[in-house]
Amino acid sequence: MTNEQWDEMDEKALSVIFQLCLSKEVLHEVVNETAATKLWLKLESPYMTMSLANKLHLKEQLYTICMWKGTLIQSHLDRFSSIIIDLVNIYIKFEDEDKVVLLVVSLPSTYKHFKEIGYIRC
């Protein structure tokens, strides 16, 4: 691969990461990066560390997540799944039964029938 081809591929990768993968808050922190590898390294340290603080923060999010009235169930499920995936990525394991219990208790009272079914199964 020539240097020109490599630079073009790097530029495309950087563009994809900027456009598809970063929230506005994160984008502000890395907008001046000009290479995908430098961008990745800059993002890796604060967001992918397995520090105790990171584990505690993610676990707190999981154990305190609540679906508020007016929130779409799909949005809540996406948020719940995202937290679980983040925890699995730092080697925290959950039994399926525990995930079910955590999800069911995060639902509002309007989903009472799901809670009753969830408790019966658990």
PDB file of N, CA and C in Angstrom:
ATOM      1  N   MET A   1       0.850  -1.172   0.000  1.00  0.00           N
ATOM      2  CA  MET A   1       0.000   0.000   0.000  1.00  0.00           C
ATOM      3  C   MET A   1       0.897   1.237   0.000  1.00  0.00           C
ATOM      4  N   THR A   2       0.583   2.159  -0.856  1.00  0.00           N
ATOM      5  CA  THR A   2       1.386   3.380  -0.928  1.00  0.00           C
ATOM      6  C   THR A   2       0.988   4.323   0.200  1.00  0.00           C
ATOM      7  N   ASN A   3       1.835   5.317   0.429  1.00  0.00           N
ATOM      8  CA  ASN A   3       1.531   6.316   1.461  1.00  0.00           C
ATOM      9  C   ASN A   3       0.247   7.072   1.134  1.00  0.00           C
ATOM     10  N   GLU A   4       0.034   7.362  -0.134  1.00  0.00           N
ATOM     11  CA  GLU A   4      -1.183   8.066  -0.540  1.00  0.00           C
ATOM     12  C   GLU A   4      -2.426   7.226  -0.248  1.00  0.00           C
ATOM     13  N   GLN A   5      -2.346   5.936  -0.558  1.00  0.00           N
ATOM     14  CA  GLN A   5      -3.475   5.048  -0.290  1.00  0.00           C
ATOM     15  C   GLN A   5      -3.733   4.943   1.218  1.00  0.00           C
ATOM     16  N   TRP A   6      -2.645   4.845   1.972  1.00  0.00           N
ATOM     17  CA  TRP A   6      -2.771   4.755   3.426  1.00  0.00           C
ATOM     18  C   TRP A   6      -3.398   6.035   3.991  1.00  0.00           C
ATOM     19  N   ASP A   7      -2.942   7.178   3.539  1.00  0.00           N
ATOM     20  CA  ASP A   7      -3.492   8.452   4.005  1.00  0.00           C
ATOM     21  C   ASP A   7      -4.974   8.580   3.659  1.00  0.00           C
ATOM     22  N   GLU A   8      -5.340   8.129   2.464  1.00  0.00           N
ATOM     23  CA  GLU A   8      -6.741   8.192   2.052  1.00  0.00           C
ATOM     24  C   GLU A   8      -7.607   7.277   2.926  1.00  0.00           C
ATOM     25  N   MET A   9      -7.106   6.077   3.202  1.00  0.00           N
ATOM     26  CA  MET A   9      -7.843   5.142   4.040  1.00  0.00           C
ATOM     27  C   MET A   9      -7.974   5.676   5.472  1.00  0.00           C
ATOM     28  N   ASP A  10      -6.895   6.267   5.978  1.00  0.00           N
ATOM     29  CA  ASP A  10      -6.911   6.846   7.317  1.00  0.00           C
ATOM     30  C   ASP A  10      -7.915   7.996   7.392  1.00  0.00           C
ATOM     31  N   GLU A  11      -7.945   8.816   6.359  1.00  0.00           N
ATOM     32  CA  GLU A  11      -8.881   9.938   6.314  1.00  0.00           C
ATOM     33  C   GLU A  11     -10.327   9.445   6.293  1.00  0.00           C
ATOM     34  N   LYS A  12     -10.600   8.390   5.548  1.00  0.00           N
ATOM     35  CA  LYS A  12     -11.945   7.818   5.500  1.00  0.00           C
ATOM     36  C   LYS A  12     -12.341   7.244   6.863  1.00  0.00           C
ATOM     37  N   ALA A  13     -11.416   6.549   7.492  1.00  0.00           N
ATOM     38  CA  ALA A  13     -11.695   5.975   8.818  1.00  0.00           C
ATOM     39  C   ALA A  13     -11.993   7.074   9.824  1.00  0.00           C
ATOM     40  N   LEU A  14     -11.201   8.119   9.800  1.00  0.00           N
ATOM     41  CA  LEU A  14     -11.406   9.261  10.702  1.00  0.00           C
ATOM     42  C   LEU A  14     -12.771   9.881  10.465  1.00  0.00           C
ATOM     43  N   SER A  15     -13.134  10.044   9.217  1.00  0.00           N
ATOM     44  CA  SER A  15     -14.425  10.624   8.863  1.00  0.00           C
ATOM     45  C   SER A  15     -15.581   9.768   9.363  1.00  0.00           C
ATOM     46  N   VAL A  16     -15.474   8.464   9.196  1.00  0.00           N
ATOM     47  CA  VAL A  16     -16.528   7.553   9.650  1.00  0.00           C
ATOM     48  C   VAL A  16     -16.670   7.625  11.171  1.00  0.00           C
ATOM     49  N   ILE A  17     -15.565   7.621  11.868  1.00  0.00           N
ATOM     50  CA  ILE A  17     -15.612   7.702  13.335  1.00  0.00           C
ATOM     51  C   ILE A  17     -16.263   9.009  13.763  1.00  0.00           C
ATOM     52  N   PHE A  18     -15.851  10.118  13.172  1.00  0.00           N
ATOM     53  CA  PHE A  18     -16.426  11.422  13.515  1.00  0.00           C
ATOM     54  C   PHE A  18     -17.928  11.462  13.230  1.00  0.00           C
ATOM     55  N   GLN A  19     -18.339  10.969  12.073  1.00  0.00           N
ATOM     56  CA  GLN A  19     -19.730  11.112  11.649  1.00  0.00           C
ATOM     57  C   GLN A  19     -20.678  10.115  12.292  1.00  0.00           C
ATOM     58  N   LEU A  20     -20.227   8.898  12.525  1.00  0.00           N
ATOM     59  CA  LEU A  20     -21.143   7.847  12.945  1.00  0.00           C
ATOM     60  C   LEU A  20     -21.001   7.388  14.391  1.00  0.00           C
ATOM     61  N   CYS A  21     -19.895   7.675  15.009  1.00  0.00           N
ATOM     62  CA  CYS A  21     -19.637   7.023  16.289  1.00  0.00           C
ATOM     63  C   CYS A  21     -19.552   7.948  17.500  1.00  0.00           C
ATOM     64  N   LEU A  22     -19.429   9.231  17.303  1.00  0.00           N
ATOM     65  CA  LEU A  22     -19.182  10.109  18.434  1.00  0.00           C
ATOM     66  C   LEU A  22     -20.358  11.023  18.731  1.00  0.00           C
ATOM     67  N   SER A  23     -20.674  11.141  20.007  1.00  0.00           N
ATOM     68  CA  SER A  23     -21.707  12.102  20.404  1.00  0.00           C
ATOM     69  C   SER A  23     -21.116  13.508  20.323  1.00  0.00           C
ATOM     70  N   LYS A  24     -21.987  14.504  20.379  1.00  0.00           N
ATOM     71  CA  LYS A  24     -21.520  15.891  20.291  1.00  0.00           C
ATOM     72  C   LYS A  24     -20.551  16.227  21.420  1.00  0.00           C
ATOM     73  N   GLU A  25     -20.832  15.717  22.625  1.00  0.00           N
ATOM     74  CA  GLU A  25     -19.975  16.000  23.770  1.00  0.00           C
ATOM     75  C   GLU A  25     -18.563  15.456  23.563  1.00  0.00           C
ATOM     76  N   VAL A  26     -18.477  14.242  23.062  1.00  0.00           N
ATOM     77  CA  VAL A  26     -17.181  13.600  22.841  1.00  0.00           C
ATOM     78  C   VAL A  26     -16.480  14.238  21.646  1.00  0.00           C
ATOM     79  N   LEU A  27     -17.237  14.555  20.630  1.00  0.00           N
ATOM     80  CA  LEU A  27     -16.676  15.158  19.420  1.00  0.00           C
ATOM     81  C   LEU A  27     -15.923  16.448  19.738  1.00  0.00           C
ATOM     82  N   HIS A  28     -16.450  17.235  20.660  1.00  0.00           N
ATOM     83  CA  HIS A  28     -15.781  18.485  21.041  1.00  0.00           C
ATOM     84  C   HIS A  28     -14.390  18.243  21.620  1.00  0.00           C
ATOM     85  N   GLU A  29     -14.209  17.078  22.241  1.00  0.00           N
ATOM     86  CA  GLU A  29     -12.918  16.770  22.868  1.00  0.00           C
ATOM     87  C   GLU A  29     -11.852  16.345  21.861  1.00  0.00           C
ATOM     88  N   VAL A  30     -12.263  15.850  20.703  1.00  0.00           N
ATOM     89  CA  VAL A  30     -11.300  15.260  19.768  1.00  0.00           C
ATOM     90  C   VAL A  30     -11.359  15.844  18.365  1.00  0.00           C
ATOM     91  N   VAL A  31     -12.082  16.929  18.185  1.00  0.00           N
ATOM     92  CA  VAL A  31     -12.321  17.478  16.851  1.00  0.00           C
ATOM     93  C   VAL A  31     -11.025  17.861  16.126  1.00  0.00           C
ATOM     94  N   ASN A  32      -9.969  18.141  16.836  1.00  0.00           N
ATOM     95  CA  ASN A  32      -8.719  18.566  16.202  1.00  0.00           C
ATOM     96  C   ASN A  32      -7.797  17.418  15.795  1.00  0.00           C
ATOM     97  N   GLU A  33      -8.187  16.191  16.079  1.00  0.00           N
ATOM     98  CA  GLU A  33      -7.353  15.048  15.703  1.00  0.00           C
ATOM     99  C   GLU A  33      -7.384  14.862  14.195  1.00  0.00           C
ATOM    100  N   THR A  34      -6.242  14.539  13.610  1.00  0.00           N
ATOM    101  CA  THR A  34      -6.145  14.421  12.155  1.00  0.00           C
ATOM    102  C   THR A  34      -5.810  13.010  11.677  1.00  0.00           C
ATOM    103  N   ALA A  35      -5.623  12.074  12.600  1.00  0.00           N
ATOM    104  CA  ALA A  35      -5.329  10.692  12.221  1.00  0.00           C
ATOM    105  C   ALA A  35      -6.194   9.758  13.053  1.00  0.00           C
ATOM    106  N   ALA A  36      -6.687   8.706  12.432  1.00  0.00           N
ATOM    107  CA  ALA A  36      -7.580   7.766  13.110  1.00  0.00           C
ATOM    108  C   ALA A  36      -6.889   7.105  14.301  1.00  0.00           C
ATOM    109  N   THR A  37      -5.620   6.774  14.160  1.00  0.00           N
ATOM    110  CA  THR A  37      -4.917   6.123  15.268  1.00  0.00           C
ATOM    111  C   THR A  37      -4.771   7.064  16.464  1.00  0.00           C
ATOM    112  N   LYS A  38      -4.458   8.317  16.205  1.00  0.00           N
ATOM    113  CA  LYS A  38      -4.337   9.288  17.303  1.00  0.00           C
ATOM    114  C   LYS A  38      -5.690   9.512  17.967  1.00  0.00           C
ATOM    115  N   LEU A  39      -6.742   9.575  17.149  1.00  0.00           N
ATOM    116  CA  LEU A  39      -8.091   9.734  17.680  1.00  0.00           C
ATOM    117  C   LEU A  39      -8.446   8.547  18.565  1.00  0.00           C
ATOM    118  N   TRP A  40      -8.178   7.342  18.082  1.00  0.00           N
ATOM    119  CA  TRP A  40      -8.496   6.139  18.832  1.00  0.00           C
ATOM    120  C   TRP A  40      -7.769   6.121  20.174  1.00  0.00           C
ATOM    121  N   LEU A  41      -6.498   6.454  20.165  1.00  0.00           N
ATOM    122  CA  LEU A  41      -5.723   6.468  21.411  1.00  0.00           C
ATOM    123  C   LEU A  41      -6.252   7.519  22.386  1.00  0.00           C
ATOM    124  N   LYS A  42      -6.656   8.657  21.863  1.00  0.00           N
ATOM    125  CA  LYS A  42      -7.181   9.712  22.724  1.00  0.00           C
ATOM    126  C   LYS A  42      -8.515   9.285  23.342  1.00  0.00           C
ATOM    127  N   LEU A  43      -9.329   8.570  22.596  1.00  0.00           N
ATOM    128  CA  LEU A  43     -10.614   8.103  23.109  1.00  0.00           C
ATOM    129  C   LEU A  43     -10.462   6.898  24.039  1.00  0.00           C
ATOM    130  N   GLU A  44      -9.467   6.096  23.781  1.00  0.00           N
ATOM    131  CA  GLU A  44      -9.302   4.852  24.513  1.00  0.00           C
ATOM    132  C   GLU A  44      -9.052   5.072  26.002  1.00  0.00           C
ATOM    133  N   SER A  45      -8.215   6.021  26.339  1.00  0.00           N
ATOM    134  CA  SER A  45      -7.858   6.169  27.746  1.00  0.00           C
ATOM    135  C   SER A  45      -9.024   6.574  28.640  1.00  0.00           C
ATOM    136  N   PRO A  46      -9.835   7.573  28.294  1.00  0.00           N
ATOM    137  CA  PRO A  46     -10.916   7.897  29.231  1.00  0.00           C
ATOM    138  C   PRO A  46     -12.142   6.996  29.134  1.00  0.00           C
ATOM    139  N   TYR A  47     -12.352   6.352  27.986  1.00  0.00           N
ATOM    140  CA  TYR A  47     -13.601   5.629  27.793  1.00  0.00           C
ATOM    141  C   TYR A  47     -13.496   4.114  27.869  1.00  0.00           C
ATOM    142  N   MET A  48     -12.344   3.557  27.743  1.00  0.00           N
ATOM    143  CA  MET A  48     -12.226   2.105  27.735  1.00  0.00           C
ATOM    144  C   MET A  48     -11.366   1.552  28.859  1.00  0.00           C
ATOM    145  N   THR A  49     -11.052   2.361  29.834  1.00  0.00           N
ATOM    146  CA  THR A  49     -10.235   1.854  30.925  1.00  0.00           C
ATOM    147  C   THR A  49     -11.069   0.985  31.842  1.00  0.00           C
ATOM    148  N   MET A  50     -10.425   0.072  32.508  1.00  0.00           N
ATOM    149  CA  MET A  50     -11.109  -0.799  33.450  1.00  0.00           C
ATOM    150  C   MET A  50     -10.873  -0.312  34.878  1.00  0.00           C
ATOM    151  N   SER A  51     -10.803   0.974  35.051  1.00  0.00           N
ATOM    152  CA  SER A  51     -10.543   1.515  36.378  1.00  0.00           C
ATOM    153  C   SER A  51     -11.720   1.244  37.307  1.00  0.00           C
ATOM    154  N   LEU A  52     -11.451   1.283  38.583  1.00  0.00           N
ATOM    155  CA  LEU A  52     -12.487   1.077  39.576  1.00  0.00           C
ATOM    156  C   LEU A  52     -13.588   2.122  39.432  1.00  0.00           C
ATOM    157  N   ALA A  53     -13.200   3.357  39.166  1.00  0.00           N
ATOM    158  CA  ALA A  53     -14.186   4.430  39.012  1.00  0.00           C
ATOM    159  C   ALA A  53     -15.116   4.148  37.830  1.00  0.00           C
ATOM    160  N   ASN A  54     -14.560   3.645  36.730  1.00  0.00           N
ATOM    161  CA  ASN A  54     -15.366   3.320  35.561  1.00  0.00           C
ATOM    162  C   ASN A  54     -16.340   2.185  35.872  1.00  0.00           C
ATOM    163  N   LYS A  55     -15.856   1.151  36.548  1.00  0.00           N
ATOM    164  CA  LYS A  55     -16.723   0.034  36.924  1.00  0.00           C
ATOM    165  C   LYS A  55     -17.850   0.507  37.830  1.00  0.00           C
ATOM    166  N   LEU A  56     -17.504   1.312  38.818  1.00  0.00           N
ATOM    167  CA  LEU A  56     -18.518   1.805  39.746  1.00  0.00           C
ATOM    168  C   LEU A  56     -19.557   2.668  39.034  1.00  0.00           C
ATOM    169  N   HIS A  57     -19.095   3.512  38.128  1.00  0.00           N
ATOM    170  CA  HIS A  57     -20.009   4.382  37.392  1.00  0.00           C
ATOM    171  C   HIS A  57     -20.992   3.564  36.558  1.00  0.00           C
ATOM    172  N   LEU A  58     -20.484   2.570  35.844  1.00  0.00           N
ATOM    173  CA  LEU A  58     -21.350   1.741  35.012  1.00  0.00           C
ATOM    174  C   LEU A  58     -22.321   0.916  35.850  1.00  0.00           C
ATOM    175  N   LYS A  59     -21.836   0.373  36.959  1.00  0.00           N
ATOM    176  CA  LYS A  59     -22.723  -0.400  37.831  1.00  0.00           C
ATOM    177  C   LYS A  59     -23.793   0.496  38.446  1.00  0.00           C
ATOM    178  N   GLU A  60     -23.419   1.697  38.813  1.00  0.00           N
ATOM    179  CA  GLU A  60     -24.403   2.635  39.344  1.00  0.00           C
ATOM    180  C   GLU A  60     -25.476   2.923  38.299  1.00  0.00           C
ATOM    181  N   GLN A  61     -25.061   3.136  37.050  1.00  0.00           N
ATOM    182  CA  GLN A  61     -26.038   3.367  35.980  1.00  0.00           C
ATOM    183  C   GLN A  61     -26.993   2.182  35.850  1.00  0.00           C
ATOM    184  N   LEU A  62     -26.444   0.980  35.907  1.00  0.00           N
ATOM    185  CA  LEU A  62     -27.267  -0.220  35.747  1.00  0.00           C
ATOM    186  C   LEU A  62     -28.259  -0.369  36.899  1.00  0.00           C
ATOM    187  N   TYR A  63     -27.782  -0.186  38.118  1.00  0.00           N
ATOM    188  CA  TYR A  63     -28.638  -0.433  39.274  1.00  0.00           C
ATOM    189  C   TYR A  63     -29.619   0.704  39.555  1.00  0.00           C
ATOM    190  N   THR A  64     -29.430   1.848  38.926  1.00  0.00           N
ATOM    191  CA  THR A  64     -30.344   2.972  39.173  1.00  0.00           C
ATOM    192  C   THR A  64     -31.152   3.374  37.946  1.00  0.00           C
ATOM    193  N   ILE A  65     -31.014   2.641  36.857  1.00  0.00           N
ATOM    194  CA  ILE A  65     -31.746   3.004  35.639  1.00  0.00           C
ATOM    195  C   ILE A  65     -33.253   2.871  35.876  1.00  0.00           C
ATOM    196  N   CYS A  66     -33.969   3.865  35.439  1.00  0.00           N
ATOM    197  CA  CYS A  66     -35.435   3.877  35.546  1.00  0.00           C
ATOM    198  C   CYS A  66     -36.011   4.369  34.235  1.00  0.00           C
ATOM    199  N   MET A  67     -37.096   3.747  33.843  1.00  0.00           N
ATOM    200  CA  MET A  67     -37.802   4.215  32.662  1.00  0.00           C
ATOM    201  C   MET A  67     -38.868   5.198  33.119  1.00  0.00           C
ATOM    202  N   TRP A  68     -38.761   6.406  32.659  1.00  0.00           N
ATOM    203  CA  TRP A  68     -39.704   7.439  33.049  1.00  0.00           C
ATOM    204  C   TRP A  68     -40.915   7.401  32.147  1.00  0.00           C
ATOM    205  N   LYS A  69     -42.064   7.824  32.670  1.00  0.00           N
ATOM    206  CA  LYS A  69     -43.285   7.876  31.872  1.00  0.00           C
ATOM    207  C   LYS A  69     -43.026   8.726  30.635  1.00  0.00           C
ATOM    208  N   GLY A  70     -43.538   8.268  29.508  1.00  0.00           N
ATOM    209  CA  GLY A  70     -43.358   8.987  28.253  1.00  0.00           C
ATOM    210  C   GLY A  70     -42.154   8.521  27.455  1.00  0.00           C
ATOM    211  N   THR A  71     -41.273   7.725  28.070  1.00  0.00           N
ATOM    212  CA  THR A  71     -40.118   7.188  27.363  1.00  0.00           C
ATOM    213  C   THR A  71     -40.559   5.979  26.546  1.00  0.00           C
ATOM    214  N   LEU A  72     -40.085   5.888  25.342  1.00  0.00           N
ATOM    215  CA  LEU A  72     -40.392   4.720  24.520  1.00  0.00           C
ATOM    216  C   LEU A  72     -39.694   3.494  25.093  1.00  0.00           C
ATOM    217  N   ILE A  73     -40.393   2.375  25.095  1.00  0.00           N
ATOM    218  CA  ILE A  73     -39.814   1.144  25.637  1.00  0.00           C
ATOM    219  C   ILE A  73     -38.535   0.769  24.885  1.00  0.00           C
ATOM    220  N   GLN A  74     -38.504   0.999  23.568  1.00  0.00           N
ATOM    221  CA  GLN A  74     -37.313   0.670  22.789  1.00  0.00           C
ATOM    222  C   GLN A  74     -36.120   1.514  23.224  1.00  0.00           C
ATOM    223  N   SER A  75     -36.355   2.779  23.522  1.00  0.00           N
ATOM    224  CA  SER A  75     -35.272   3.650  24.000  1.00  0.00           C
ATOM    225  C   SER A  75     -34.730   3.147  25.327  1.00  0.00           C
ATOM    226  N   HIS A  76     -35.639   2.733  26.203  1.00  0.00           N
ATOM    227  CA  HIS A  76     -35.209   2.218  27.507  1.00  0.00           C
ATOM    228  C   HIS A  76     -34.423   0.916  27.342  1.00  0.00           C
ATOM    229  N   LEU A  77     -34.916   0.025  26.485  1.00  0.00           N
ATOM    230  CA  LEU A  77     -34.204  -1.236  26.242  1.00  0.00           C
ATOM    231  C   LEU A  77     -32.832  -0.992  25.631  1.00  0.00           C
ATOM    232  N   ASP A  78     -32.742  -0.028  24.722  1.00  0.00           N
ATOM    233  CA  ASP A  78     -31.449   0.310  24.110  1.00  0.00           C
ATOM    234  C   ASP A  78     -30.476   0.809  25.171  1.00  0.00           C
ATOM    235  N   ARG A  79     -30.956   1.676  26.053  1.00  0.00           N
ATOM    236  CA  ARG A  79     -30.096   2.222  27.115  1.00  0.00           C
ATOM    237  C   ARG A  79     -29.655   1.112  28.060  1.00  0.00           C
ATOM    238  N   PHE A  80     -30.590   0.262  28.453  1.00  0.00           N
ATOM    239  CA  PHE A  80     -30.285  -0.862  29.342  1.00  0.00           C
ATOM    240  C   PHE A  80     -29.246  -1.783  28.695  1.00  0.00           C
ATOM    241  N   SER A  81     -29.471  -2.142  27.438  1.00  0.00           N
ATOM    242  CA  SER A  81     -28.536  -3.027  26.720  1.00  0.00           C
ATOM    243  C   SER A  81     -27.164  -2.388  26.584  1.00  0.00           C
ATOM    244  N   SER A  82     -27.136  -1.097  26.335  1.00  0.00           N
ATOM    245  CA  SER A  82     -25.870  -0.387  26.200  1.00  0.00           C
ATOM    246  C   SER A  82     -25.049  -0.461  27.483  1.00  0.00           C
ATOM    247  N   ILE A  83     -25.704  -0.301  28.613  1.00  0.00           N
ATOM    248  CA  ILE A  83     -25.000  -0.389  29.899  1.00  0.00           C
ATOM    249  C   ILE A  83     -24.480  -1.801  30.114  1.00  0.00           C
ATOM    250  N   ILE A  84     -25.303  -2.796  29.830  1.00  0.00           N
ATOM    251  CA  ILE A  84     -24.877  -4.194  29.979  1.00  0.00           C
ATOM    252  C   ILE A  84     -23.673  -4.479  29.084  1.00  0.00           C
ATOM    253  N   ILE A  85     -23.725  -4.043  27.841  1.00  0.00           N
ATOM    254  CA  ILE A  85     -22.620  -4.262  26.901  1.00  0.00           C
ATOM    255  C   ILE A  85     -21.344  -3.583  27.401  1.00  0.00           C
ATOM    256  N   ASP A  86     -21.465  -2.354  27.895  1.00  0.00           N
ATOM    257  CA  ASP A  86     -20.297  -1.657  28.434  1.00  0.00           C
ATOM    258  C   ASP A  86     -19.686  -2.432  29.595  1.00  0.00           C
ATOM    259  N   LEU A  87     -20.519  -2.996  30.446  1.00  0.00           N
ATOM    260  CA  LEU A  87     -20.010  -3.782  31.574  1.00  0.00           C
ATOM    261  C   LEU A  87     -19.375  -5.083  31.111  1.00  0.00           C
ATOM    262  N   VAL A  88     -19.984  -5.750  30.159  1.00  0.00           N
ATOM    263  CA  VAL A  88     -19.413  -6.986  29.620  1.00  0.00           C
ATOM    264  C   VAL A  88     -18.060  -6.696  28.966  1.00  0.00           C
ATOM    265  N   ASN A  89     -17.944  -5.542  28.315  1.00  0.00           N
ATOM    266  CA  ASN A  89     -16.678  -5.169  27.665  1.00  0.00           C
ATOM    267  C   ASN A  89     -15.544  -4.952  28.648  1.00  0.00           C
ATOM    268  N   ILE A  90     -15.868  -4.702  29.909  1.00  0.00           N
ATOM    269  CA  ILE A  90     -14.809  -4.586  30.920  1.00  0.00           C
ATOM    270  C   ILE A  90     -14.831  -5.797  31.858  1.00  0.00           C
ATOM    271  N   TYR A  91     -15.336  -6.912  31.325  1.00  0.00           N
ATOM    272  CA  TYR A  91     -15.262  -8.214  31.959  1.00  0.00           C
ATOM    273  C   TYR A  91     -16.112  -8.363  33.215  1.00  0.00           C
ATOM    274  N   ILE A  92     -17.248  -7.680  33.258  1.00  0.00           N
ATOM    275  CA  ILE A  92     -18.220  -7.883  34.316  1.00  0.00           C
ATOM    276  C   ILE A  92     -19.297  -8.807  33.739  1.00  0.00           C
ATOM    277  N   LYS A  93     -19.567  -9.897  34.422  1.00  0.00           N
ATOM    278  CA  LYS A  93     -20.521 -10.881  33.898  1.00  0.00           C
ATOM    279  C   LYS A  93     -21.824 -10.829  34.689  1.00  0.00           C
ATOM    280  N   PHE A  94     -22.933 -11.084  33.983  1.00  0.00           N
ATOM    281  CA  PHE A  94     -24.246 -11.131  34.597  1.00  0.00           C
ATOM    282  C   PHE A  94     -24.960 -12.381  34.124  1.00  0.00           C
ATOM    283  N   GLU A  95     -25.657 -13.021  35.036  1.00  0.00           N
ATOM    284  CA  GLU A  95     -26.525 -14.129  34.668  1.00  0.00           C
ATOM    285  C   GLU A  95     -27.753 -13.546  33.976  1.00  0.00           C
ATOM    286  N   ASP A  96     -28.332 -14.309  33.068  1.00  0.00           N
ATOM    287  CA  ASP A  96     -29.531 -13.845  32.367  1.00  0.00           C
ATOM    288  C   ASP A  96     -30.650 -13.514  33.347  1.00  0.00           C
ATOM    289  N   GLU A  97     -30.796 -14.310  34.365  1.00  0.00           N
ATOM    290  CA  GLU A  97     -31.838 -14.078  35.363  1.00  0.00           C
ATOM    291  C   GLU A  97     -31.647 -12.729  36.060  1.00  0.00           C
ATOM    292  N   ASP A  98     -30.405 -12.389  36.355  1.00  0.00           N
ATOM    293  CA  ASP A  98     -30.129 -11.097  36.995  1.00  0.00           C
ATOM    294  C   ASP A  98     -30.459  -9.939  36.062  1.00  0.00           C
ATOM    295  N   LYS A  99     -30.166 -10.105  34.779  1.00  0.00           N
ATOM    296  CA  LYS A  99     -30.505  -9.064  33.802  1.00  0.00           C
ATOM    297  C   LYS A  99     -32.019  -8.863  33.731  1.00  0.00           C
ATOM    298  N   VAL A 100     -32.754  -9.965  33.758  1.00  0.00           N
ATOM    299  CA  VAL A 100     -34.214  -9.880  33.710  1.00  0.00           C
ATOM    300  C   VAL A 100     -34.733  -9.116  34.924  1.00  0.00           C
ATOM    301  N   VAL A 101     -34.245  -9.462  36.098  1.00  0.00           N
ATOM    302  CA  VAL A 101     -34.696  -8.792  37.319  1.00  0.00           C
ATOM    303  C   VAL A 101     -34.373  -7.305  37.258  1.00  0.00           C
ATOM    304  N   LEU A 102     -33.169  -6.957  36.856  1.00  0.00           N
ATOM    305  CA  LEU A 102     -32.784  -5.542  36.776  1.00  0.00           C
ATOM    306  C   LEU A 102     -33.638  -4.786  35.767  1.00  0.00           C
ATOM    307  N   LEU A 103     -33.928  -5.408  34.642  1.00  0.00           N
ATOM    308  CA  LEU A 103     -34.766  -4.755  33.639  1.00  0.00           C
ATOM    309  C   LEU A 103     -36.195  -4.579  34.150  1.00  0.00           C
ATOM    310  N   VAL A 104     -36.743  -5.608  34.731  1.00  0.00           N
ATOM    311  CA  VAL A 104     -38.126  -5.546  35.208  1.00  0.00           C
ATOM    312  C   VAL A 104     -38.296  -4.487  36.293  1.00  0.00           C
ATOM    313  N   VAL A 105     -37.367  -4.407  37.220  1.00  0.00           N
ATOM    314  CA  VAL A 105     -37.518  -3.411  38.292  1.00  0.00           C
ATOM    315  C   VAL A 105     -37.272  -1.994  37.791  1.00  0.00           C
ATOM    316  N   SER A 106     -36.691  -1.854  36.613  1.00  0.00           N
ATOM    317  CA  SER A 106     -36.460  -0.513  36.064  1.00  0.00           C
ATOM    318  C   SER A 106     -37.688   0.048  35.359  1.00  0.00           C
ATOM    319  N   LEU A 107     -38.694  -0.786  35.162  1.00  0.00           N
ATOM    320  CA  LEU A 107     -39.900  -0.354  34.450  1.00  0.00           C
ATOM    321  C   LEU A 107     -40.834   0.412  35.384  1.00  0.00           C
ATOM    322  N   PRO A 108     -41.592   1.373  34.844  1.00  0.00           N
ATOM    323  CA  PRO A 108     -42.545   2.126  35.672  1.00  0.00           C
ATOM    324  C   PRO A 108     -43.773   1.283  36.001  1.00  0.00           C
ATOM    325  N   SER A 109     -44.605   1.792  36.881  1.00  0.00           N
ATOM    326  CA  SER A 109     -45.784   1.050  37.336  1.00  0.00           C
ATOM    327  C   SER A 109     -46.768   0.753  36.206  1.00  0.00           C
ATOM    328  N   THR A 110     -46.720   1.512  35.128  1.00  0.00           N
ATOM    329  CA  THR A 110     -47.617   1.247  34.003  1.00  0.00           C
ATOM    330  C   THR A 110     -47.306  -0.088  33.321  1.00  0.00           C
ATOM    331  N   TYR A 111     -46.162  -0.658  33.604  1.00  0.00           N
ATOM    332  CA  TYR A 111     -45.776  -1.974  33.078  1.00  0.00           C
ATOM    333  C   TYR A 111     -45.922  -3.043  34.163  1.00  0.00           C
ATOM    334  N   LYS A 112     -46.889  -2.850  35.057  1.00  0.00           N
ATOM    335  CA  LYS A 112     -47.092  -3.746  36.184  1.00  0.00           C
ATOM    336  C   LYS A 112     -47.251  -5.198  35.731  1.00  0.00           C
ATOM    337  N   HIS A 113     -47.949  -5.419  34.630  1.00  0.00           N
ATOM    338  CA  HIS A 113     -48.164  -6.782  34.149  1.00  0.00           C
ATOM    339  C   HIS A 113     -46.848  -7.460  33.765  1.00  0.00           C
ATOM    340  N   PHE A 114     -45.888  -6.714  33.250  1.00  0.00           N
ATOM    341  CA  PHE A 114     -44.570  -7.286  32.959  1.00  0.00           C
ATOM    342  C   PHE A 114     -43.850  -7.648  34.246  1.00  0.00           C
ATOM    343  N   LYS A 115     -44.003  -6.801  35.244  1.00  0.00           N
ATOM    344  CA  LYS A 115     -43.341  -7.061  36.515  1.00  0.00           C
ATOM    345  C   LYS A 115     -43.864  -8.353  37.135  1.00  0.00           C
ATOM    346  N   GLU A 116     -45.184  -8.558  37.072  1.00  0.00           N
ATOM    347  CA  GLU A 116     -45.761  -9.772  37.631  1.00  0.00           C
ATOM    348  C   GLU A 116     -45.257 -11.006  36.904  1.00  0.00           C
ATOM    349  N   ILE A 117     -45.186 -10.939  35.575  1.00  0.00           N
ATOM    350  CA  ILE A 117     -44.670 -12.060  34.778  1.00  0.00           C
ATOM    351  C   ILE A 117     -43.209 -12.290  35.089  1.00  0.00           C
ATOM    352  N   GLY A 118     -42.423 -11.193  35.175  1.00  0.00           N
ATOM    353  CA  GLY A 118     -40.990 -11.304  35.459  1.00  0.00           C
ATOM    354  C   GLY A 118     -40.724 -11.939  36.802  1.00  0.00           C
ATOM    355  N   TYR A 119     -41.498 -11.591  37.809  1.00  0.00           N
ATOM    356  CA  TYR A 119     -41.281 -12.143  39.124  1.00  0.00           C
ATOM    357  C   TYR A 119     -41.671 -13.613  39.193  1.00  0.00           C
ATOM    358  N   ILE A 120     -42.711 -13.973  38.443  1.00  0.00           N
ATOM    359  CA  ILE A 120     -43.128 -15.371  38.421  1.00  0.00           C
ATOM    360  C   ILE A 120     -42.036 -16.237  37.799  1.00  0.00           C
ATOM    361  N   ARG A 121     -41.433 -15.748  36.712  1.00  0.00           N
ATOM    362  CA  ARG A 121     -40.381 -16.517  36.039  1.00  0.00           C
ATOM    363  C   ARG A 121     -39.121 -16.599  36.877  1.00  0.00           C
ATOM    364  N   CYS A 122     -38.814 -15.559  37.603  1.00  0.00           N
ATOM    365  CA  CYS A 122     -37.596 -15.562  38.412  1.00  0.00           C
ATOM    366  C   CYS A 122     -37.841 -16.372  39.639  1.00  0.00           C
TER     367      CYS A 122
END
